[in-house]
Amino acid sequence: MGRPARKFRMGDHVRVRYRGQEGTVIDINGDLYMVSLSSGGIDSYSESQLEIVW
């Protein structure tokens, strides 16, 4: 069977739900999305931790 469809793609502008920080998805590694945060940091989050901004 195939892998389930991803909710986000590279380049999507997202918000970290529990922190309110925004950033851009720059890589996808397994079940984690690497996000370049507008504050300058980079961190990885699961799909459930993110929401699309625009």
N, C-alpha and C. Protein backbone atom coordinates (compact mmCIF):
# COMPACT_ATOMS: atom_id res chain seq x y z
N MET A 1 0.83 -1.20 0.00
CA MET A 1 0.00 0.00 0.00
C MET A 1 0.87 1.25 0.00
N GLY A 2 0.31 2.34 -0.50
CA GLY A 2 1.05 3.60 -0.56
C GLY A 2 1.03 4.35 0.75
N ARG A 3 1.88 5.30 0.82
CA ARG A 3 1.97 6.17 1.99
C ARG A 3 0.78 7.13 1.98
N PRO A 4 0.20 7.44 3.14
CA PRO A 4 -0.92 8.39 3.17
C PRO A 4 -0.49 9.76 2.65
N ALA A 5 -1.43 10.47 2.08
CA ALA A 5 -1.14 11.80 1.53
C ALA A 5 -0.68 12.74 2.64
N ARG A 6 0.30 13.55 2.32
CA ARG A 6 0.81 14.53 3.29
C ARG A 6 -0.09 15.76 3.30
N LYS A 7 -0.20 16.36 4.47
CA LYS A 7 -1.02 17.55 4.62
C LYS A 7 -0.28 18.80 4.13
N PHE A 8 1.06 18.79 4.24
CA PHE A 8 1.87 19.95 3.89
C PHE A 8 2.90 19.56 2.83
N ARG A 9 3.35 20.56 2.09
CA ARG A 9 4.40 20.36 1.08
C ARG A 9 5.53 21.35 1.36
N MET A 10 6.68 21.07 0.78
CA MET A 10 7.80 22.00 0.91
C MET A 10 7.37 23.35 0.34
N GLY A 11 7.71 24.40 1.06
CA GLY A 11 7.35 25.75 0.63
C GLY A 11 6.08 26.28 1.28
N ASP A 12 5.29 25.40 1.91
CA ASP A 12 4.07 25.85 2.58
C ASP A 12 4.40 26.73 3.78
N HIS A 13 3.61 27.79 3.98
CA HIS A 13 3.75 28.66 5.14
C HIS A 13 2.87 28.08 6.23
N VAL A 14 3.47 27.76 7.39
CA VAL A 14 2.74 27.07 8.46
C VAL A 14 2.92 27.80 9.79
N ARG A 15 2.05 27.44 10.74
CA ARG A 15 2.14 27.96 12.11
C ARG A 15 2.25 26.76 13.04
N VAL A 16 3.14 26.88 14.03
CA VAL A 16 3.27 25.85 15.06
C VAL A 16 2.13 26.07 16.05
N ARG A 17 1.24 25.10 16.17
CA ARG A 17 0.01 25.27 16.95
C ARG A 17 0.25 25.72 18.39
N TYR A 18 1.13 25.06 19.11
CA TYR A 18 1.28 25.33 20.53
C TYR A 18 2.21 26.52 20.83
N ARG A 19 2.93 27.03 19.83
CA ARG A 19 3.84 28.15 20.06
C ARG A 19 3.42 29.41 19.33
N GLY A 20 2.57 29.27 18.32
CA GLY A 20 2.13 30.44 17.56
C GLY A 20 3.17 30.98 16.60
N GLN A 21 4.32 30.32 16.50
CA GLN A 21 5.36 30.79 15.59
C GLN A 21 5.04 30.35 14.18
N GLU A 22 5.45 31.17 13.22
CA GLU A 22 5.22 30.86 11.82
C GLU A 22 6.54 30.59 11.12
N GLY A 23 6.45 29.84 10.04
CA GLY A 23 7.64 29.54 9.26
C GLY A 23 7.27 28.84 7.97
N THR A 24 8.28 28.34 7.29
CA THR A 24 8.11 27.70 5.99
C THR A 24 8.67 26.29 6.04
N VAL A 25 7.92 25.33 5.49
CA VAL A 25 8.39 23.95 5.42
C VAL A 25 9.55 23.90 4.42
N ILE A 26 10.73 23.45 4.89
CA ILE A 26 11.90 23.41 4.01
C ILE A 26 12.35 21.98 3.70
N ASP A 27 11.84 21.00 4.45
CA ASP A 27 12.22 19.61 4.19
C ASP A 27 11.21 18.70 4.87
N ILE A 28 11.10 17.48 4.34
CA ILE A 28 10.23 16.47 4.93
C ILE A 28 11.09 15.23 5.13
N ASN A 29 11.18 14.77 6.37
CA ASN A 29 12.01 13.62 6.71
C ASN A 29 11.16 12.60 7.45
N GLY A 30 10.73 11.57 6.75
CA GLY A 30 9.85 10.59 7.37
C GLY A 30 8.52 11.23 7.72
N ASP A 31 8.16 11.20 9.00
CA ASP A 31 6.90 11.80 9.46
C ASP A 31 7.09 13.21 10.01
N LEU A 32 8.29 13.75 9.88
CA LEU A 32 8.56 15.09 10.43
C LEU A 32 8.74 16.12 9.33
N TYR A 33 8.26 17.31 9.62
CA TYR A 33 8.42 18.45 8.71
C TYR A 33 9.46 19.39 9.31
N MET A 34 10.51 19.69 8.57
CA MET A 34 11.51 20.65 9.02
C MET A 34 11.03 22.04 8.62
N VAL A 35 10.94 22.92 9.62
CA VAL A 35 10.38 24.26 9.40
C VAL A 35 11.43 25.31 9.72
N SER A 36 11.64 26.22 8.77
CA SER A 36 12.48 27.39 8.99
C SER A 36 11.58 28.46 9.59
N LEU A 37 11.79 28.76 10.86
CA LEU A 37 10.92 29.68 11.58
C LEU A 37 11.26 31.13 11.25
N SER A 38 10.24 31.98 11.28
CA SER A 38 10.45 33.40 10.99
C SER A 38 11.38 34.05 12.01
N SER A 39 11.52 33.44 13.19
CA SER A 39 12.41 33.97 14.23
C SER A 39 13.86 33.64 13.93
N GLY A 40 14.11 32.82 12.91
CA GLY A 40 15.48 32.50 12.52
C GLY A 40 15.90 31.08 12.82
N GLY A 41 15.15 30.36 13.63
CA GLY A 41 15.51 29.00 13.97
C GLY A 41 14.97 27.99 12.98
N ILE A 42 15.43 26.76 13.11
CA ILE A 42 14.93 25.64 12.31
C ILE A 42 14.61 24.52 13.28
N ASP A 43 13.43 23.92 13.13
CA ASP A 43 13.04 22.82 14.00
C ASP A 43 12.15 21.86 13.23
N SER A 44 11.99 20.65 13.76
CA SER A 44 11.15 19.64 13.12
C SER A 44 9.88 19.42 13.93
N TYR A 45 8.78 19.23 13.21
CA TYR A 45 7.48 19.06 13.85
C TYR A 45 6.69 17.97 13.15
N SER A 46 5.80 17.32 13.90
CA SER A 46 4.89 16.35 13.30
C SER A 46 3.74 17.10 12.64
N GLU A 47 3.03 16.41 11.78
CA GLU A 47 1.91 17.02 11.07
C GLU A 47 0.87 17.60 12.02
N SER A 48 0.62 16.91 13.14
CA SER A 48 -0.41 17.37 14.08
C SER A 48 -0.02 18.64 14.82
N GLN A 49 1.27 18.99 14.81
CA GLN A 49 1.73 20.20 15.49
C GLN A 49 1.65 21.44 14.62
N LEU A 50 1.32 21.26 13.35
CA LEU A 50 1.33 22.37 12.40
C LEU A 50 -0.05 22.66 11.83
N GLU A 51 -0.24 23.90 11.39
CA GLU A 51 -1.44 24.28 10.65
C GLU A 51 -1.03 25.23 9.54
N ILE A 52 -1.76 25.19 8.44
CA ILE A 52 -1.44 26.04 7.29
C ILE A 52 -1.81 27.48 7.60
N VAL A 53 -1.01 28.43 7.16
CA VAL A 53 -1.29 29.85 7.42
C VAL A 53 -1.95 30.47 6.20
N TRP A 54 -1.36 30.31 5.03
CA TRP A 54 -1.96 30.81 3.78
C TRP A 54 -1.42 30.07 2.63
